[in-house]
């Protein structure tokens, strides 16, 4: 009888212990998933901020001529053209002559610079990521076409030195912009949540 009672108590104890262990494992799993999501959100936010700085720096350097990609004294405010050098040097692709005709045109300069500034500010602040993704993808597509990676030779017959016939950094940036918009990367380390609460944004989801 004593052995039977001991066995009964031991069995009860084991059932209780297993229940606690299951609960603890479940809590650990939920915590791990939460930590992973948090880390992912911060990783996307970091990617957003770094990409935003790429666009903002391009705008600032081309505007003021900091002496990096744009020589000092040849910035936009000094009368230089942000598009003339790049578009006039296009030497391959089906739109080569079209880009040459656009090079240095005021409308091209303004559209390009406003695009850089708008995309850079949107990414940095974490707002209007969807419009920024659309504008940025269009810009990257045009720049990809201007460089035309599929070409093995330039129009003068020299080797193009293309490192990949399809994928280059313009396509990578385009995919990054789309991913940031889809994943609402502005909600972390940004003003995305506040932006989404604005009445005109709630009624126009494409502004999100």
C-alpha atoms as a PDB file:
ATOM      1  CA  UNK A   1       0.000   0.000   0.000  1.00  0.00           C
ATOM      2  CA  UNK A   2       2.811   2.357   0.878  1.00  0.00           C
ATOM      3  CA  UNK A   3       4.590   1.544  -2.341  1.00  0.00           C
ATOM      4  CA  UNK A   4       1.383   2.154  -4.270  1.00  0.00           C
ATOM      5  CA  UNK A   5       0.912   5.570  -2.657  1.00  0.00           C
ATOM      6  CA  UNK A   6       4.537   6.450  -3.312  1.00  0.00           C
ATOM      7  CA  UNK A   7       4.172   5.504  -6.951  1.00  0.00           C
ATOM      8  CA  UNK A   8       0.980   7.555  -7.232  1.00  0.00           C
ATOM      9  CA  UNK A   9       2.630  10.623  -5.744  1.00  0.00           C
ATOM     10  CA  UNK A  10       5.669  10.202  -7.950  1.00  0.00           C
ATOM     11  CA  UNK A  11       3.488   9.931 -11.042  1.00  0.00           C
ATOM     12  CA  UNK A  12       1.665  13.120 -10.117  1.00  0.00           C
ATOM     13  CA  UNK A  13       4.913  14.903  -9.606  1.00  0.00           C
ATOM     14  CA  UNK A  14       6.177  13.889 -13.038  1.00  0.00           C
ATOM     15  CA  UNK A  15       3.034  15.152 -14.756  1.00  0.00           C
ATOM     16  CA  UNK A  16       3.329  18.503 -13.027  1.00  0.00           C
ATOM     17  CA  UNK A  17       6.998  18.775 -13.920  1.00  0.00           C
ATOM     18  CA  UNK A  18       6.391  18.064 -17.580  1.00  0.00           C
ATOM     19  CA  UNK A  19       3.701  20.681 -17.712  1.00  0.00           C
ATOM     20  CA  UNK A  20       6.053  23.331 -16.331  1.00  0.00           C
ATOM     21  CA  UNK A  21       8.761  22.310 -18.730  1.00  0.00           C
ATOM     22  CA  UNK A  22       6.423  22.608 -21.699  1.00  0.00           C
ATOM     23  CA  UNK A  23       5.310  26.040 -20.583  1.00  0.00           C
ATOM     24  CA  UNK A  24       8.889  27.185 -20.124  1.00  0.00           C
ATOM     25  CA  UNK A  25       9.892  25.907 -23.567  1.00  0.00           C
ATOM     26  CA  UNK A  26       6.948  27.707 -25.141  1.00  0.00           C
ATOM     27  CA  UNK A  27       7.897  30.952 -23.446  1.00  0.00           C
ATOM     28  CA  UNK A  28      11.498  30.600 -24.622  1.00  0.00           C
ATOM     29  CA  UNK A  29      10.324  29.982 -28.184  1.00  0.00           C
ATOM     30  CA  UNK A  30       8.111  33.078 -28.131  1.00  0.00           C
ATOM     31  CA  UNK A  31      10.957  35.122 -26.688  1.00  0.00           C
ATOM     32  CA  UNK A  32      13.359  33.854 -29.365  1.00  0.00           C
ATOM     33  CA  UNK A  33      10.910  34.755 -32.145  1.00  0.00           C
ATOM     34  CA  UNK A  34      10.395  38.202 -30.618  1.00  0.00           C
ATOM     35  CA  UNK A  35      14.151  38.782 -30.359  1.00  0.00           C
ATOM     36  CA  UNK A  36      14.622  37.688 -33.970  1.00  0.00           C
ATOM     37  CA  UNK A  37      11.912  40.052 -35.181  1.00  0.00           C
ATOM     38  CA  UNK A  38      13.423  42.919 -33.202  1.00  0.00           C
ATOM     39  CA  UNK A  39      16.886  42.226 -34.599  1.00  0.00           C
ATOM     40  CA  UNK A  40      15.432  42.038 -38.098  1.00  0.00           C
ATOM     41  CA  UNK A  41      13.616  45.344 -37.645  1.00  0.00           C
ATOM     42  CA  UNK A  42      16.813  47.077 -36.526  1.00  0.00           C
ATOM     43  CA  UNK A  43      18.779  45.502 -39.378  1.00  0.00           C
ATOM     44  CA  UNK A  44      16.244  46.835 -41.904  1.00  0.00           C
ATOM     45  CA  UNK A  45      16.284  50.242 -40.225  1.00  0.00           C
ATOM     46  CA  UNK A  46      20.075  50.318 -40.466  1.00  0.00           C
ATOM     47  CA  UNK A  47      19.898  49.368 -44.133  1.00  0.00           C
ATOM     48  CA  UNK A  48      17.334  52.126 -44.673  1.00  0.00           C
ATOM     49  CA  UNK A  49      19.488  54.776 -43.025  1.00  0.00           C
ATOM     50  CA  UNK A  50      22.633  53.746 -44.882  1.00  0.00           C
ATOM     51  CA  UNK A  51      20.828  53.718 -48.220  1.00  0.00           C
ATOM     52  CA  UNK A  52      19.293  57.084 -47.412  1.00  0.00           C
ATOM     53  CA  UNK A  53      22.754  58.503 -46.784  1.00  0.00           C
ATOM     54  CA  UNK A  54      23.901  57.220 -50.190  1.00  0.00           C
ATOM     55  CA  UNK A  55      21.217  59.302 -51.900  1.00  0.00           C
ATOM     56  CA  UNK A  56      21.617  62.328 -49.635  1.00  0.00           C
ATOM     57  CA  UNK A  57      25.384  62.377 -50.041  1.00  0.00           C
ATOM     58  CA  UNK A  58      25.065  62.182 -53.822  1.00  0.00           C
ATOM     59  CA  UNK A  59      22.725  65.178 -53.702  1.00  0.00           C
ATOM     60  CA  UNK A  60      24.977  67.204 -51.411  1.00  0.00           C
ATOM     61  CA  UNK A  61      28.198  66.418 -53.265  1.00  0.00           C
ATOM     62  CA  UNK A  62      26.690  67.259 -56.644  1.00  0.00           C
ATOM     63  CA  UNK A  63      25.159  70.438 -55.238  1.00  0.00           C
ATOM     64  CA  UNK A  64      28.156  71.858 -53.385  1.00  0.00           C
ATOM     65  CA  UNK A  65      31.117  70.105 -55.016  1.00  0.00           C
ATOM     66  CA  UNK A  66      32.839  68.623 -51.976  1.00  0.00           C
ATOM     67  CA  UNK A  67      35.698  67.336 -54.090  1.00  0.00           C
ATOM     68  CA  UNK A  68      34.721  63.685 -54.163  1.00  0.00           C
ATOM     69  CA  UNK A  69      32.672  62.645 -57.209  1.00  0.00           C
ATOM     70  CA  UNK A  70      32.107  66.326 -57.980  1.00  0.00           C
ATOM     71  CA  UNK A  71      35.230  68.566 -58.128  1.00  0.00           C
ATOM     72  CA  UNK A  72      35.316  71.642 -55.927  1.00  0.00           C
ATOM     73  CA  UNK A  73      33.935  74.675 -57.715  1.00  0.00           C
ATOM     74  CA  UNK A  74      31.890  72.600 -60.148  1.00  0.00           C
ATOM     75  CA  UNK A  75      28.880  71.936 -57.979  1.00  0.00           C
ATOM     76  CA  UNK A  76      25.317  72.667 -59.012  1.00  0.00           C
ATOM     77  CA  UNK A  77      25.335  75.975 -57.128  1.00  0.00           C
ATOM     78  CA  UNK A  78      28.490  76.946 -59.025  1.00  0.00           C
ATOM     79  CA  UNK A  79      26.753  76.503 -62.363  1.00  0.00           C
ATOM     80  CA  UNK A  80      27.783  72.912 -62.976  1.00  0.00           C
ATOM     81  CA  UNK A  81      25.386  70.308 -64.344  1.00  0.00           C
ATOM     82  CA  UNK A  82      24.699  67.174 -62.267  1.00  0.00           C
ATOM     83  CA  UNK A  83      23.738  65.166 -65.364  1.00  0.00           C
ATOM     84  CA  UNK A  84      25.992  66.417 -68.147  1.00  0.00           C
ATOM     85  CA  UNK A  85      29.094  64.452 -67.258  1.00  0.00           C
ATOM     86  CA  UNK A  86      27.337  61.134 -66.734  1.00  0.00           C
ATOM     87  CA  UNK A  87      24.826  61.271 -69.576  1.00  0.00           C
ATOM     88  CA  UNK A  88      27.245  62.661 -72.141  1.00  0.00           C
ATOM     89  CA  UNK A  89      29.635  59.784 -71.429  1.00  0.00           C
ATOM     90  CA  UNK A  90      27.066  57.063 -72.144  1.00  0.00           C
ATOM     91  CA  UNK A  91      28.733  54.858 -74.742  1.00  0.00           C
ATOM     92  CA  UNK A  92      26.476  51.819 -75.088  1.00  0.00           C
ATOM     93  CA  UNK A  93      22.879  50.723 -75.127  1.00  0.00           C
ATOM     94  CA  UNK A  94      19.746  51.466 -77.151  1.00  0.00           C
ATOM     95  CA  UNK A  95      19.221  54.915 -75.574  1.00  0.00           C
ATOM     96  CA  UNK A  96      22.755  56.239 -76.042  1.00  0.00           C
ATOM     97  CA  UNK A  97      21.740  59.108 -78.334  1.00  0.00           C
ATOM     98  CA  UNK A  98      18.711  59.917 -76.170  1.00  0.00           C
ATOM     99  CA  UNK A  99      20.838  60.252 -73.056  1.00  0.00           C
ATOM    100  CA  UNK A 100      23.296  62.448 -74.952  1.00  0.00           C
ATOM    101  CA  UNK A 101      20.453  64.788 -75.890  1.00  0.00           C
ATOM    102  CA  UNK A 102      19.298  64.971 -72.256  1.00  0.00           C
ATOM    103  CA  UNK A 103      22.767  65.682 -70.853  1.00  0.00           C
ATOM    104  CA  UNK A 104      22.883  69.048 -69.117  1.00  0.00           C
ATOM    105  CA  UNK A 105      19.260  70.007 -69.835  1.00  0.00           C
ATOM    106  CA  UNK A 106      17.830  72.021 -66.919  1.00  0.00           C
ATOM    107  CA  UNK A 107      14.775  69.775 -66.621  1.00  0.00           C
ATOM    108  CA  UNK A 108      17.021  66.702 -66.378  1.00  0.00           C
ATOM    109  CA  UNK A 109      19.206  68.359 -63.740  1.00  0.00           C
ATOM    110  CA  UNK A 110      16.234  69.412 -61.615  1.00  0.00           C
ATOM    111  CA  UNK A 111      14.437  66.088 -61.909  1.00  0.00           C
ATOM    112  CA  UNK A 112      17.563  64.135 -61.039  1.00  0.00           C
ATOM    113  CA  UNK A 113      18.501  66.318 -58.069  1.00  0.00           C
ATOM    114  CA  UNK A 114      14.981  66.472 -56.660  1.00  0.00           C
ATOM    115  CA  UNK A 115      14.840  62.700 -56.965  1.00  0.00           C
ATOM    116  CA  UNK A 116      18.078  62.266 -55.022  1.00  0.00           C
ATOM    117  CA  UNK A 117      16.947  64.687 -52.326  1.00  0.00           C
ATOM    118  CA  UNK A 118      13.418  63.331 -52.004  1.00  0.00           C
ATOM    119  CA  UNK A 119      14.466  59.686 -51.879  1.00  0.00           C
ATOM    120  CA  UNK A 120      17.270  60.459 -49.436  1.00  0.00           C
ATOM    121  CA  UNK A 121      15.016  62.396 -47.054  1.00  0.00           C
ATOM    122  CA  UNK A 122      12.251  59.787 -47.241  1.00  0.00           C
ATOM    123  CA  UNK A 123      14.623  56.952 -46.394  1.00  0.00           C
ATOM    124  CA  UNK A 124      16.374  58.854 -43.632  1.00  0.00           C
ATOM    125  CA  UNK A 125      13.106  59.887 -41.965  1.00  0.00           C
ATOM    126  CA  UNK A 126      11.378  56.575 -42.646  1.00  0.00           C
ATOM    127  CA  UNK A 127       8.355  58.147 -44.345  1.00  0.00           C
ATOM    128  CA  UNK A 128       6.784  57.848 -47.820  1.00  0.00           C
ATOM    129  CA  UNK A 129       8.836  54.737 -48.518  1.00  0.00           C
ATOM    130  CA  UNK A 130       6.449  53.521 -51.218  1.00  0.00           C
ATOM    131  CA  UNK A 131       6.709  56.656 -53.380  1.00  0.00           C
ATOM    132  CA  UNK A 132      10.452  56.668 -52.724  1.00  0.00           C
ATOM    133  CA  UNK A 133      10.678  53.049 -53.889  1.00  0.00           C
ATOM    134  CA  UNK A 134       8.811  53.836 -57.112  1.00  0.00           C
ATOM    135  CA  UNK A 135      10.884  56.945 -57.864  1.00  0.00           C
ATOM    136  CA  UNK A 136      14.131  55.265 -56.871  1.00  0.00           C
ATOM    137  CA  UNK A 137      13.440  52.167 -58.952  1.00  0.00           C
ATOM    138  CA  UNK A 138      12.687  54.328 -61.997  1.00  0.00           C
ATOM    139  CA  UNK A 139      15.909  56.278 -61.454  1.00  0.00           C
ATOM    140  CA  UNK A 140      17.970  53.116 -61.013  1.00  0.00           C
ATOM    141  CA  UNK A 141      16.402  51.572 -64.135  1.00  0.00           C
ATOM    142  CA  UNK A 142      17.395  54.609 -66.199  1.00  0.00           C
ATOM    143  CA  UNK A 143      20.925  54.586 -64.809  1.00  0.00           C
ATOM    144  CA  UNK A 144      21.192  50.837 -65.470  1.00  0.00           C
ATOM    145  CA  UNK A 145      20.107  51.476 -69.058  1.00  0.00           C
ATOM    146  CA  UNK A 146      22.663  54.265 -69.353  1.00  0.00           C
ATOM    147  CA  UNK A 147      25.502  51.989 -68.272  1.00  0.00           C
ATOM    148  CA  UNK A 148      24.018  49.017 -70.169  1.00  0.00           C
ATOM    149  CA  UNK A 149      25.811  46.067 -68.506  1.00  0.00           C
ATOM    150  CA  UNK A 150      24.805  43.576 -71.259  1.00  0.00           C
ATOM    151  CA  UNK A 151      27.173  45.267 -73.725  1.00  0.00           C
ATOM    152  CA  UNK A 152      30.500  43.549 -74.295  1.00  0.00           C
ATOM    153  CA  UNK A 153      31.805  46.455 -76.356  1.00  0.00           C
ATOM    154  CA  UNK A 154      31.221  50.182 -76.304  1.00  0.00           C
ATOM    155  CA  UNK A 155      30.113  52.140 -79.358  1.00  0.00           C
ATOM    156  CA  UNK A 156      33.748  52.856 -80.233  1.00  0.00           C
ATOM    157  CA  UNK A 157      34.558  49.139 -80.286  1.00  0.00           C
ATOM    158  CA  UNK A 158      36.508  49.026 -77.020  1.00  0.00           C
ATOM    159  CA  UNK A 159      35.717  46.494 -74.324  1.00  0.00           C
ATOM    160  CA  UNK A 160      32.969  47.629 -71.965  1.00  0.00           C
ATOM    161  CA  UNK A 161      34.640  45.942 -68.956  1.00  0.00           C
ATOM    162  CA  UNK A 162      31.193  45.014 -67.685  1.00  0.00           C
ATOM    163  CA  UNK A 163      31.582  42.686 -64.708  1.00  0.00           C
ATOM    164  CA  UNK A 164      28.093  41.180 -65.058  1.00  0.00           C
ATOM    165  CA  UNK A 165      25.744  41.173 -68.055  1.00  0.00           C
ATOM    166  CA  UNK A 166      22.662  41.821 -65.940  1.00  0.00           C
ATOM    167  CA  UNK A 167      23.122  42.509 -62.233  1.00  0.00           C
ATOM    168  CA  UNK A 168      24.867  45.683 -61.110  1.00  0.00           C
ATOM    169  CA  UNK A 169      24.541  47.974 -58.118  1.00  0.00           C
ATOM    170  CA  UNK A 170      21.633  49.885 -59.650  1.00  0.00           C
ATOM    171  CA  UNK A 171      19.471  46.765 -59.591  1.00  0.00           C
ATOM    172  CA  UNK A 172      20.605  45.981 -56.059  1.00  0.00           C
ATOM    173  CA  UNK A 173      19.577  49.463 -54.893  1.00  0.00           C
ATOM    174  CA  UNK A 174      16.209  49.089 -56.626  1.00  0.00           C
ATOM    175  CA  UNK A 175      15.498  45.804 -54.827  1.00  0.00           C
ATOM    176  CA  UNK A 176      16.592  47.334 -51.516  1.00  0.00           C
ATOM    177  CA  UNK A 177      14.186  50.248 -51.973  1.00  0.00           C
ATOM    178  CA  UNK A 178      11.309  47.913 -52.751  1.00  0.00           C
ATOM    179  CA  UNK A 179      12.116  45.658 -49.790  1.00  0.00           C
ATOM    180  CA  UNK A 180      12.294  48.605 -47.380  1.00  0.00           C
ATOM    181  CA  UNK A 181       8.887  49.821 -48.523  1.00  0.00           C
ATOM    182  CA  UNK A 182       7.265  46.374 -48.370  1.00  0.00           C
ATOM    183  CA  UNK A 183       8.677  45.671 -44.892  1.00  0.00           C
ATOM    184  CA  UNK A 184       7.664  49.086 -43.507  1.00  0.00           C
ATOM    185  CA  UNK A 185      11.261  49.691 -42.479  1.00  0.00           C
ATOM    186  CA  UNK A 186      10.449  53.241 -41.396  1.00  0.00           C
ATOM    187  CA  UNK A 187       8.607  52.043 -38.291  1.00  0.00           C
ATOM    188  CA  UNK A 188      11.897  51.361 -36.483  1.00  0.00           C
ATOM    189  CA  UNK A 189      14.325  54.239 -35.888  1.00  0.00           C
ATOM    190  CA  UNK A 190      12.117  56.389 -38.069  1.00  0.00           C
ATOM    191  CA  UNK A 191       8.878  58.339 -38.265  1.00  0.00           C
ATOM    192  CA  UNK A 192       6.984  55.656 -40.152  1.00  0.00           C
ATOM    193  CA  UNK A 193       4.346  55.005 -37.493  1.00  0.00           C
ATOM    194  CA  UNK A 194       3.603  58.698 -37.017  1.00  0.00           C
ATOM    195  CA  UNK A 195       3.488  59.195 -40.779  1.00  0.00           C
ATOM    196  CA  UNK A 196       1.011  56.327 -41.163  1.00  0.00           C
ATOM    197  CA  UNK A 197      -1.374  57.960 -38.668  1.00  0.00           C
ATOM    198  CA  UNK A 198      -1.718  61.177 -40.660  1.00  0.00           C
ATOM    199  CA  UNK A 199      -5.218  61.486 -42.178  1.00  0.00           C
ATOM    200  CA  UNK A 200      -4.081  61.994 -45.773  1.00  0.00           C
ATOM    201  CA  UNK A 201      -1.769  58.972 -45.502  1.00  0.00           C
ATOM    202  CA  UNK A 202      -4.517  56.762 -44.034  1.00  0.00           C
ATOM    203  CA  UNK A 203      -6.786  57.635 -46.948  1.00  0.00           C
ATOM    204  CA  UNK A 204      -3.993  57.251 -49.511  1.00  0.00           C
ATOM    205  CA  UNK A 205      -2.205  54.024 -48.709  1.00  0.00           C
ATOM    206  CA  UNK A 206       0.251  54.451 -51.570  1.00  0.00           C
ATOM    207  CA  UNK A 207       1.879  57.260 -49.566  1.00  0.00           C
ATOM    208  CA  UNK A 208       2.792  54.863 -46.788  1.00  0.00           C
END
